Protein backbone atom coordinates (compact mmCIF):
# COMPACT_ATOMS: atom_id res chain seq x y z
CA UNK A 1 -4.99 11.12 36.66
CA UNK A 2 -4.51 15.06 36.93
CA UNK A 3 -3.54 16.37 33.85
CA UNK A 4 -0.25 18.23 35.64
CA UNK A 5 2.90 18.68 33.50
CA UNK A 6 4.51 16.36 35.44
CA UNK A 7 1.91 13.77 35.15
CA UNK A 8 1.77 14.67 31.14
CA UNK A 9 5.49 14.22 31.07
CA UNK A 10 5.23 11.08 32.37
CA UNK A 11 3.20 9.54 30.34
CA UNK A 12 4.86 10.72 27.65
CA UNK A 13 8.01 9.52 28.37
CA UNK A 14 6.75 6.13 29.26
CA UNK A 15 4.62 6.21 25.74
CA UNK A 16 8.17 7.02 24.11
CA UNK A 17 10.70 4.24 26.14
CA UNK A 18 7.51 1.52 25.15
CA UNK A 19 7.55 2.37 21.88
CA UNK A 20 11.14 2.41 21.30
CA UNK A 21 11.90 -1.11 23.19
CA UNK A 22 8.79 -2.52 20.91
CA UNK A 23 10.00 -1.20 17.59
CA UNK A 24 13.25 -2.05 18.25
CA UNK A 25 12.25 -5.89 19.21
CA UNK A 26 9.49 -5.96 16.39
CA UNK A 27 12.01 -5.08 13.68
CA UNK A 28 13.49 -8.18 14.65
CA UNK A 29 10.55 -10.17 13.12
CA UNK A 30 10.14 -8.31 10.03
CA UNK A 31 7.27 -6.16 11.52
CA UNK A 32 7.56 -1.94 10.77
CA UNK A 33 8.60 -0.33 13.68
CA UNK A 34 6.57 2.10 13.28
CA UNK A 35 3.45 -0.01 13.63
CA UNK A 36 4.43 -1.02 16.83
CA UNK A 37 4.31 2.77 17.95
CA UNK A 38 0.59 2.77 16.72
CA UNK A 39 0.05 -0.27 18.59
CA UNK A 40 1.48 1.34 21.86
CA UNK A 41 -0.75 4.39 20.97
CA UNK A 42 -4.01 2.46 21.17
CA UNK A 43 -3.38 0.36 24.05
CA UNK A 44 -2.58 3.49 25.97
CA UNK A 45 -5.82 4.79 24.38
CA UNK A 46 -9.52 5.05 25.84
CA UNK A 47 -10.52 1.60 25.36
CA UNK A 48 -6.96 0.16 26.10
CA UNK A 49 -5.22 -0.57 29.38
CA UNK A 50 -3.93 3.14 29.56
CA UNK A 51 -7.19 4.54 29.55
CA UNK A 52 -5.67 7.80 28.29
CA UNK A 53 -9.03 9.21 26.71
CA UNK A 54 -8.53 11.55 23.53
CA UNK A 55 -11.00 11.75 20.58
CA UNK A 56 -9.54 15.86 19.46
CA UNK A 57 -9.42 15.41 15.39
CA UNK A 58 -8.84 18.57 15.59
CA UNK A 59 -5.37 19.03 17.66
CA UNK A 60 -4.16 15.22 16.15
CA UNK A 61 -4.57 17.00 12.86
CA UNK A 62 -2.37 19.71 14.21
CA UNK A 63 -0.02 17.19 15.39
CA UNK A 64 0.16 15.43 12.71
CA UNK A 65 0.67 18.29 10.14
CA UNK A 66 3.72 19.23 12.45
CA UNK A 67 5.32 16.03 12.15
CA UNK A 68 4.62 15.77 8.16
CA UNK A 69 6.49 18.91 8.28
CA UNK A 70 9.49 17.55 9.95
CA UNK A 71 9.21 14.06 8.30
CA UNK A 72 8.81 15.44 4.75
CA UNK A 73 11.71 18.23 5.52
CA UNK A 74 14.16 15.48 7.04
CA UNK A 75 13.32 12.88 4.33
CA UNK A 76 14.31 15.83 1.63
CA UNK A 77 17.68 17.05 3.36
CA UNK A 78 18.50 13.64 3.39
CA UNK A 79 18.15 12.41 -0.34
CA UNK A 80 20.57 12.69 -2.69
CA UNK A 81 20.02 14.76 -6.21
CA UNK A 82 22.89 13.29 -8.29
CA UNK A 83 20.91 9.46 -7.18
CA UNK A 84 17.20 10.55 -7.73
CA UNK A 85 17.98 12.75 -10.93
CA UNK A 86 18.46 10.23 -13.67
CA UNK A 87 14.71 8.62 -12.37
CA UNK A 88 12.88 11.93 -11.64
CA UNK A 89 10.43 11.77 -14.31
CA UNK A 90 9.64 8.29 -13.12
CA UNK A 91 9.45 9.83 -9.15
CA UNK A 92 7.43 12.55 -10.63
CA UNK A 93 4.59 10.24 -12.57
CA UNK A 94 4.29 8.14 -9.94
CA UNK A 95 3.75 10.79 -7.10
CA UNK A 96 0.65 12.15 -8.99
CA UNK A 97 -0.65 10.53 -12.10
CA UNK A 98 -0.04 7.08 -9.89
CA UNK A 99 -1.13 8.77 -6.93
CA UNK A 100 -4.17 9.80 -9.05
CA UNK A 101 -4.85 6.58 -11.00
CA UNK A 102 -4.85 4.54 -7.41
CA UNK A 103 -7.28 6.95 -5.62
CA UNK A 104 -9.77 7.30 -9.22
CA UNK A 105 -9.81 2.87 -8.85
CA UNK A 106 -10.50 2.37 -5.19
CA UNK A 107 -13.17 5.33 -5.21
CA UNK A 108 -14.63 3.85 -8.03
CA UNK A 109 -15.13 0.20 -6.10
CA UNK A 110 -15.65 1.73 -2.67
CA UNK A 111 -18.42 3.49 -4.66
CA UNK A 112 -19.58 -0.05 -6.22
CA UNK A 113 -19.60 -1.78 -3.04
CA UNK A 114 -20.75 0.34 -0.32
CA UNK A 115 -23.55 2.55 0.34
CA UNK A 116 -21.07 5.73 -0.61
CA UNK A 117 -21.70 8.25 -3.09
CA UNK A 118 -19.24 8.37 -6.05
CA UNK A 119 -17.46 11.41 -4.58
CA UNK A 120 -17.16 10.04 -1.26
CA UNK A 121 -15.87 6.76 -2.79
CA UNK A 122 -13.09 9.28 -4.20
CA UNK A 123 -12.55 10.96 -0.77
CA UNK A 124 -11.65 7.69 0.68
CA UNK A 125 -9.70 6.44 -2.10
CA UNK A 126 -7.72 9.82 -2.03
CA UNK A 127 -7.06 9.28 1.87
CA UNK A 128 -5.54 6.15 0.83
CA UNK A 129 -3.78 6.87 -2.09
CA UNK A 130 -0.42 8.42 -0.37
CA UNK A 131 2.67 5.30 0.31
CA UNK A 132 5.03 5.17 3.71
CA UNK A 133 8.66 4.23 2.75
CA UNK A 134 9.95 4.59 6.18
CA UNK A 135 8.40 1.30 6.55
CA UNK A 136 9.62 0.05 3.08
CA UNK A 137 13.57 1.23 4.21
CA UNK A 138 13.57 0.23 7.83
CA UNK A 139 12.38 -3.07 6.83
CA UNK A 140 14.88 -3.54 3.78
CA UNK A 141 17.74 -2.05 5.99
CA UNK A 142 17.22 -4.94 8.80
CA UNK A 143 17.07 -7.62 6.53
CA UNK A 144 20.09 -6.57 4.63
CA UNK A 145 18.27 -5.91 1.29
CA UNK A 146 20.07 -3.60 -1.94
CA UNK A 147 17.78 -3.18 -4.11
CA UNK A 148 18.86 -3.36 -8.10
CA UNK A 149 19.61 -0.32 -10.36
CA UNK A 150 17.16 2.75 -9.48
CA UNK A 151 14.14 0.84 -7.77
CA UNK A 152 15.36 1.99 -4.48
CA UNK A 153 15.83 5.49 -5.46
CA UNK A 154 12.22 5.36 -7.57
CA UNK A 155 10.95 4.67 -4.06
CA UNK A 156 12.94 6.96 -1.99
CA UNK A 157 11.54 10.12 -4.41
CA UNK A 158 7.83 8.80 -4.81
CA UNK A 159 7.53 8.51 -1.28
CA UNK A 160 8.78 12.06 -0.20
CA UNK A 161 6.79 13.77 -3.21
CA UNK A 162 3.46 11.85 -2.87
CA UNK A 163 1.93 13.37 -0.22
CA UNK A 164 1.15 17.03 -2.03
CA UNK A 165 -1.29 15.16 -4.33
CA UNK A 166 -2.91 12.78 -2.02
CA UNK A 167 -2.93 15.88 -0.11
CA UNK A 168 -4.55 18.49 -2.67
CA UNK A 169 -7.48 15.59 -3.62
CA UNK A 170 -8.46 15.02 -0.14
CA UNK A 171 -8.61 18.46 0.95
CA UNK A 172 -10.39 19.10 -2.70
CA UNK A 173 -12.73 16.38 -2.41
CA UNK A 174 -13.48 17.24 1.36
CA UNK A 175 -14.74 20.71 0.27
CA UNK A 176 -16.75 19.49 -2.70
CA UNK A 177 -18.70 17.08 -0.62
CA UNK A 178 -19.46 19.65 2.04
CA UNK A 179 -20.18 22.39 -0.20
CA UNK A 180 -22.04 20.08 -2.61
CA UNK A 181 -20.57 22.32 -5.76
CA UNK A 182 -18.06 21.19 -8.13
CA UNK A 183 -16.76 22.76 -10.75
CA UNK A 184 -14.14 20.42 -13.07
CA UNK A 185 -12.33 23.94 -13.88
CA UNK A 186 -12.29 25.04 -10.28
CA UNK A 187 -10.75 21.69 -9.62
CA UNK A 188 -7.90 22.29 -12.43
CA UNK A 189 -7.42 25.71 -11.41
CA UNK A 190 -6.89 25.01 -7.73
CA UNK A 191 -4.23 21.66 -8.44
CA UNK A 192 -2.07 23.88 -10.87
CA UNK A 193 -2.18 26.36 -8.59
CA UNK A 194 -1.09 24.91 -5.35
CA UNK A 195 1.65 22.62 -7.30
CA UNK A 196 3.22 25.69 -9.27
CA UNK A 197 3.29 28.33 -6.19
CA UNK A 198 4.47 25.53 -4.14
CA UNK A 199 6.80 24.22 -6.52
CA UNK A 200 7.92 27.78 -7.00
CA UNK A 201 8.33 28.50 -2.97
CA UNK A 202 9.94 25.15 -2.23
CA UNK A 203 12.58 25.59 -5.11
CA UNK A 204 13.37 29.76 -3.74
CA UNK A 205 13.37 29.09 -0.32
CA UNK A 206 15.76 26.08 -1.03
CA UNK A 207 18.33 28.47 -2.55
CA UNK A 208 17.25 31.54 0.04
CA UNK A 209 17.83 28.90 3.24
CA UNK A 210 21.61 27.62 1.49
CA UNK A 211 22.23 31.60 1.63
CA UNK A 212 21.03 32.06 4.96
CA UNK A 213 22.56 29.68 6.43
CA UNK A 214 26.34 29.85 5.40
CA UNK A 215 25.74 33.87 5.14
CA UNK A 216 24.23 34.62 8.75
CA UNK A 217 26.99 34.37 11.31
CA UNK A 218 25.19 32.68 14.45
CA UNK A 219 26.70 33.78 17.89
CA UNK A 220 26.39 29.63 18.67
CA UNK A 221 26.55 26.70 16.93
CA UNK A 222 23.78 25.51 18.84
CA UNK A 223 21.49 28.12 16.88
CA UNK A 224 21.90 26.78 13.24
CA UNK A 225 19.51 23.94 13.92
CA UNK A 226 16.71 26.44 15.01
CA UNK A 227 17.38 28.89 11.93
CA UNK A 228 16.82 25.61 9.93
CA UNK A 229 13.88 25.17 11.61
CA UNK A 230 12.32 28.56 11.51
CA UNK A 231 13.02 28.59 7.64
CA UNK A 232 11.39 25.29 6.96
CA UNK A 233 8.05 25.87 9.01
CA UNK A 234 8.27 29.47 7.16
CA UNK A 235 8.29 28.00 4.07
CA UNK A 236 4.99 25.54 4.48
CA UNK A 237 2.89 27.97 6.76
CA UNK A 238 3.67 30.74 3.94
CA UNK A 239 3.09 28.86 0.88
CA UNK A 240 -0.05 27.53 2.08
CA UNK A 241 -1.05 30.68 2.99
CA UNK A 242 -0.93 32.05 -0.21
CA UNK A 243 -2.56 28.92 -1.60
CA UNK A 244 0.35 27.15 -2.87
CA UNK A 245 0.90 23.31 -1.54
CA UNK A 246 2.90 23.63 1.78
CA UNK A 247 3.68 20.04 1.65
CA UNK A 248 5.28 19.76 -1.89
CA UNK A 249 7.33 23.30 -1.01
CA UNK A 250 8.96 22.23 2.16
CA UNK A 251 10.24 18.75 0.94
CA UNK A 252 11.58 20.63 -2.41
CA UNK A 253 13.43 23.28 -0.10
CA UNK A 254 14.88 20.48 1.87
CA UNK A 255 15.94 18.95 -1.53
CA UNK A 256 17.22 21.77 -2.81
CA UNK A 257 18.86 22.40 0.50
CA UNK A 258 20.32 19.35 0.86
CA UNK A 259 21.89 18.98 -2.47
CA UNK A 260 24.18 21.99 -1.73
CA UNK A 261 26.84 22.46 0.58
CA UNK A 262 26.22 24.27 3.69
CA UNK A 263 27.51 25.21 7.19
CA UNK A 264 27.22 22.41 10.05
CA UNK A 265 25.24 19.95 7.13
CA UNK A 266 26.38 16.57 8.62
CA UNK A 267 25.48 17.95 12.00
CA UNK A 268 22.06 19.17 10.75
CA UNK A 269 21.43 15.99 8.77
CA UNK A 270 21.63 13.64 12.55
CA UNK A 271 19.78 16.53 14.03
CA UNK A 272 16.81 16.41 11.29
CA UNK A 273 16.93 12.45 11.05
CA UNK A 274 16.17 12.22 15.18
CA UNK A 275 13.65 14.60 14.79
CA UNK A 276 12.27 13.10 12.23
CA UNK A 277 12.22 9.92 14.23
CA UNK A 278 10.23 11.42 17.43
CA UNK A 279 8.05 13.50 15.31
CA UNK A 280 6.85 9.79 13.71
CA UNK A 281 6.70 7.95 17.24
CA UNK A 282 4.75 11.24 18.85
CA UNK A 283 2.65 11.02 15.36
CA UNK A 284 1.71 7.41 16.02
CA UNK A 285 1.41 7.81 19.09
CA UNK A 286 -1.54 10.32 19.18
CA UNK A 287 -3.26 8.63 16.05
CA UNK A 288 -3.52 5.60 17.86
CA UNK A 289 -4.72 7.28 20.80
CA UNK A 290 -7.72 8.55 18.84
CA UNK A 291 -9.03 5.20 17.39
CA UNK A 292 -11.52 3.64 19.20
CA UNK A 293 -11.07 0.02 18.49
CA UNK A 294 -14.60 -1.22 19.12
CA UNK A 295 -15.64 1.21 16.08
CA UNK A 296 -13.03 -0.04 14.22
CA UNK A 297 -13.69 -4.05 14.27
CA UNK A 298 -17.16 -4.34 12.85
CA UNK A 299 -15.39 -2.90 9.80
CA UNK A 300 -12.63 -5.56 9.15
CA UNK A 301 -14.52 -7.36 6.78
CA UNK A 302 -15.26 -4.42 4.16
CA UNK A 303 -11.54 -2.84 5.33
CA UNK A 304 -9.53 -5.98 4.30
CA UNK A 305 -12.41 -6.20 0.95
CA UNK A 306 -10.90 -2.67 0.45
CA UNK A 307 -7.57 -3.09 1.02
CA UNK A 308 -7.11 -6.04 -1.52
CA UNK A 309 -8.77 -3.43 -3.70
CA UNK A 310 -5.85 -1.59 -3.24
CA UNK A 311 -2.65 -3.75 -2.94
CA UNK A 312 -4.24 -6.04 -5.81
CA UNK A 313 -5.85 -3.78 -8.29
CA UNK A 314 -5.76 0.33 -7.59
CA UNK A 315 -1.71 -0.07 -6.35
CA UNK A 316 -0.95 -1.67 -9.22
CA UNK A 317 -2.95 0.23 -12.15
CA UNK A 318 -1.38 3.33 -10.83
CA UNK A 319 2.28 1.87 -11.21
CA UNK A 320 1.81 0.40 -14.51
CA UNK A 321 -0.20 3.38 -16.10
CA UNK A 322 2.15 6.39 -14.33
CA UNK A 323 5.20 3.93 -15.84
CA UNK A 324 3.82 2.86 -18.94
CA UNK A 325 6.34 5.18 -21.21
CA UNK A 326 9.48 4.96 -19.26
CA UNK A 327 12.38 2.25 -19.20
CA UNK A 328 11.03 -0.27 -15.95
CA UNK A 329 11.13 -3.95 -16.00
CA UNK A 330 7.88 -6.06 -15.49
CA UNK A 331 9.84 -7.60 -12.43
CA UNK A 332 10.52 -3.97 -11.14
CA UNK A 333 6.64 -2.63 -11.69
CA UNK A 334 5.57 -5.44 -9.61
CA UNK A 335 7.74 -4.97 -6.69
CA UNK A 336 6.80 -1.01 -6.36
CA UNK A 337 3.58 -2.50 -6.98
CA UNK A 338 3.99 -4.47 -3.69
CA UNK A 339 6.06 -1.51 -2.18
CA UNK A 340 2.90 0.97 -1.92
CA UNK A 341 2.85 0.68 1.93
CA UNK A 342 -0.21 2.94 3.76
CA UNK A 343 1.27 4.62 6.93
CA UNK A 344 0.79 7.20 8.92
CA UNK A 345 -0.18 9.96 6.52
CA UNK A 346 -3.39 8.74 5.26
CA UNK A 347 -5.02 8.49 8.90
CA UNK A 348 -3.65 12.36 9.34
CA UNK A 349 -5.57 12.72 6.35
CA UNK A 350 -8.60 10.92 7.65
CA UNK A 351 -9.20 13.73 9.90
CA UNK A 352 -9.29 16.67 7.40
CA UNK A 353 -13.62 15.25 6.77
CA UNK A 354 -14.30 14.64 10.44
CA UNK A 355 -13.24 18.29 11.06
CA UNK A 356 -15.39 19.24 8.52
CA UNK A 357 -18.16 17.02 9.74
CA UNK A 358 -19.64 14.88 6.74
CA UNK A 359 -21.19 12.47 7.24
CA UNK A 360 -19.99 8.77 6.85
CA UNK A 361 -15.98 11.27 7.93
CA UNK A 362 -16.27 8.52 11.04
CA UNK A 363 -16.61 5.71 8.97
CA UNK A 364 -13.98 6.97 6.53
CA UNK A 365 -11.05 7.09 9.42
CA UNK A 366 -11.78 4.13 11.18
CA UNK A 367 -11.73 2.24 7.33
CA UNK A 368 -8.53 3.76 6.35
CA UNK A 369 -6.95 3.30 9.92
CA UNK A 370 -7.84 -0.50 9.60
CA UNK A 371 -6.37 -0.79 6.07
CA UNK A 372 -2.94 1.38 7.08
CA UNK A 373 -2.95 -1.57 9.71
CA UNK A 374 -3.47 -4.52 7.51
CA UNK A 375 -1.32 -3.08 4.52
CA UNK A 376 1.58 -2.72 6.86
CA UNK A 377 1.54 -5.58 8.09
CA UNK A 378 1.16 -8.10 5.32
CA UNK A 379 3.08 -6.19 2.82
CA UNK A 380 5.78 -4.72 4.83
CA UNK A 381 6.61 -8.63 6.23
CA UNK A 382 6.68 -10.28 2.87
CA UNK A 383 8.97 -7.17 1.47
CA UNK A 384 12.30 -9.20 1.02
CA UNK A 385 10.53 -12.25 0.09
CA UNK A 386 8.96 -10.41 -2.65
CA UNK A 387 12.58 -8.56 -3.26
CA UNK A 388 13.27 -11.80 -3.80
CA UNK A 389 11.29 -13.86 -5.95
CA UNK A 390 11.20 -10.91 -8.38
CA UNK A 391 14.81 -10.83 -8.65
CA UNK A 392 15.38 -7.41 -7.75
CA UNK A 393 17.73 -7.59 -5.02
CA UNK A 394 21.43 -7.03 -5.45
CA UNK A 395 24.12 -10.11 -4.14
CA UNK A 396 25.72 -9.52 -1.42
CA UNK A 397 29.80 -8.35 -1.21
CA UNK A 398 31.73 -10.47 0.07
CA UNK A 399 33.68 -8.33 3.20
CA UNK A 400 36.41 -9.18 5.53
CA UNK A 401 37.48 -8.20 8.51
CA UNK A 402 37.26 -4.71 9.77
CA UNK A 403 40.49 -3.90 9.70
CA UNK A 404 40.48 -4.83 5.81
CA UNK A 405 37.22 -2.54 5.33
CA UNK A 406 39.10 0.61 6.90
CA UNK A 407 42.15 0.18 4.98
CA UNK A 408 40.65 -0.36 2.02
CA UNK A 409 37.22 2.18 2.46
CA UNK A 410 38.59 4.88 3.63
CA UNK A 411 42.43 6.91 2.61
CA UNK A 412 43.93 9.56 4.93
CA UNK A 413 46.45 12.24 4.01
CA UNK A 414 47.96 15.18 5.30
CA UNK A 415 48.19 18.72 3.55
CA UNK A 416 50.05 21.49 4.15
CA UNK A 417 48.57 24.69 2.42
CA UNK A 418 51.25 26.96 0.36
CA UNK A 419 50.70 30.53 0.99
CA UNK A 420 49.87 30.10 -3.39
CA UNK A 421 47.64 27.57 -2.42
CA UNK A 422 44.05 28.75 -4.63
CA UNK A 423 41.62 27.40 -1.56
CA UNK A 424 43.91 30.06 0.98
CA UNK A 425 41.36 32.23 2.37
CA UNK A 426 37.91 30.19 1.58
CA UNK A 427 36.04 28.49 3.56
CA UNK A 428 35.73 25.16 3.67
CA UNK A 429 32.04 24.87 2.64
CA UNK A 430 32.56 26.57 -0.63
CA UNK A 431 35.36 24.20 -1.74
CA UNK A 432 32.67 21.80 -2.44
CA UNK A 433 34.83 18.56 -1.62
CA UNK A 434 33.52 15.43 -3.27
CA UNK A 435 30.62 13.67 -1.13
CA UNK A 436 32.81 11.33 0.86
CA UNK A 437 35.47 13.50 1.44
CA UNK A 438 35.84 15.58 4.76
CA UNK A 439 39.07 17.94 6.21
CA UNK A 440 38.75 16.55 10.00
CA UNK A 441 41.27 18.37 11.46
CA UNK A 442 43.42 21.03 11.05
CA UNK A 443 46.82 22.25 12.89
CA UNK A 444 47.20 25.88 12.88
CA UNK A 445 49.80 27.21 15.04
CA UNK A 446 50.49 24.45 17.10
CA UNK A 447 46.74 24.32 18.10
CA UNK A 448 44.06 21.29 16.57
CA UNK A 449 41.02 22.66 15.69
CA UNK A 450 38.14 20.64 15.05
CA UNK A 451 36.80 22.76 11.69
CA UNK A 452 33.06 23.60 10.58
CA UNK A 453 31.82 24.88 7.36
CA UNK A 454 32.13 28.33 8.35
CA UNK A 455 36.20 27.99 8.95
CA UNK A 456 38.54 29.88 6.34
CA UNK A 457 41.24 28.07 5.53
CA UNK A 458 44.97 29.61 6.16
CA UNK A 459 48.36 29.43 4.45
CA UNK A 460 50.30 27.18 6.67
CA UNK A 461 47.72 24.80 7.60
CA UNK A 462 47.97 20.97 7.90
CA UNK A 463 45.03 19.73 7.42
CA UNK A 464 44.07 15.80 7.97
CA UNK A 465 41.76 14.86 5.04
CA UNK A 466 39.76 11.72 4.76
CA UNK A 467 37.93 9.76 2.19
CA UNK A 468 35.92 7.24 1.36
CA UNK A 469 36.86 6.50 -2.19
CA UNK A 470 40.70 7.31 -3.61
CA UNK A 471 39.55 8.96 -6.85
CA UNK A 472 37.77 11.48 -4.92
CA UNK A 473 40.93 11.68 -2.46
CA UNK A 474 42.67 12.56 -5.61
CA UNK A 475 40.29 15.15 -6.86
CA UNK A 476 40.26 16.96 -3.10
CA UNK A 477 43.89 16.97 -3.08
CA UNK A 478 44.21 18.41 -6.86
CA UNK A 479 41.96 21.51 -5.60
CA UNK A 480 43.87 22.21 -2.24
CA UNK A 481 47.31 22.04 -4.22
CA UNK A 482 45.70 24.62 -7.23
CA UNK A 483 47.25 27.75 -7.40
């Protein structure tokens, strides 16, 4: 088939549609949706029924890095800082010390059981050291499982913040093996520099992005997603260029931005959630195309052994050591250990040794692919059962009819602004309403306005205020009536 634009779009659209349908069916059986996207890519590849030949690790890496930026940005944007603030140090410890311990443990075992040097073993350990919570939460949501206490918040924060450490270890070890030189001082200097620059750039760009979005007046609402995309991609690229950790920067910038009110926040959150799903599908399809099953099958016995070491030794060691001095129960630590699913990120990171031309790059990539699939299939399908056994599930809340839910969970009030109200002349985005409270409609001079954060309130406006919490509704009403 000729690679004409229409043929590329036809194949691409068919792969997307097949992936979505297959993923929707698989989720009913507790199989993570994203793993089906990967399998569709494999089936469409050169050794599958699709016969699409693709072996360009550079292109796969570019697509992977771009997709990861979207995924990390969307994840940070949708993360509630007030929820993760109490457990921030636990998440940071897991995403740094936990990742390092996991990589070290896997690396030592791989060095002992395979014909790998210690550095090569550590490289494989670094590649598989980050987790994929997108698959975790999709499984738990599909099964209606709600975790007790702060476990969900810990997992959410860890999954969004552990990629930078895994990336640093992968890049650094790849460079050391390629050059044959290792300097411990340089290693720690690059680590500290990368995280300091990445953290500083992420925080500063989050604050700058917030100011720009709220103060740059654009002629069309459709330009705001483009503006936010430009700011996000600039954050990653600029940080990488000056020697920082770009993945840390883009996640932190989104976290800072998402914790503040900004214009079109609700619509932008939905937009980037959709974009993240699109990028995840494209990422998994691309990585599936890059895999040659005939090279993976002979590695299955070794892959199963390494996967077992990762799941039953390395991940628990990382969790228990990194959370040793925190108030986390044994049951919670065991569950967090079992939630260490590997997804697309390790497969993307496995392309770096391939591009660097390392001797065992192909072996590492195929092992990582098999380990990731094994981890998701085994751990993913047993998550609800593990949560039940370890008693970390919140009991279901009794609910009535749909009408009862609407009446009990939502409060609606109509407020008329007086000329002396303190909010007159202010933009809605600057009011800082409680999280569940919104101004959904404004009646002004016999005209109805569907407000955005940029709209300014005027005396005489009749506001339709909707809230999901009676106390928060009263707080909002007090703000509107202040003089």
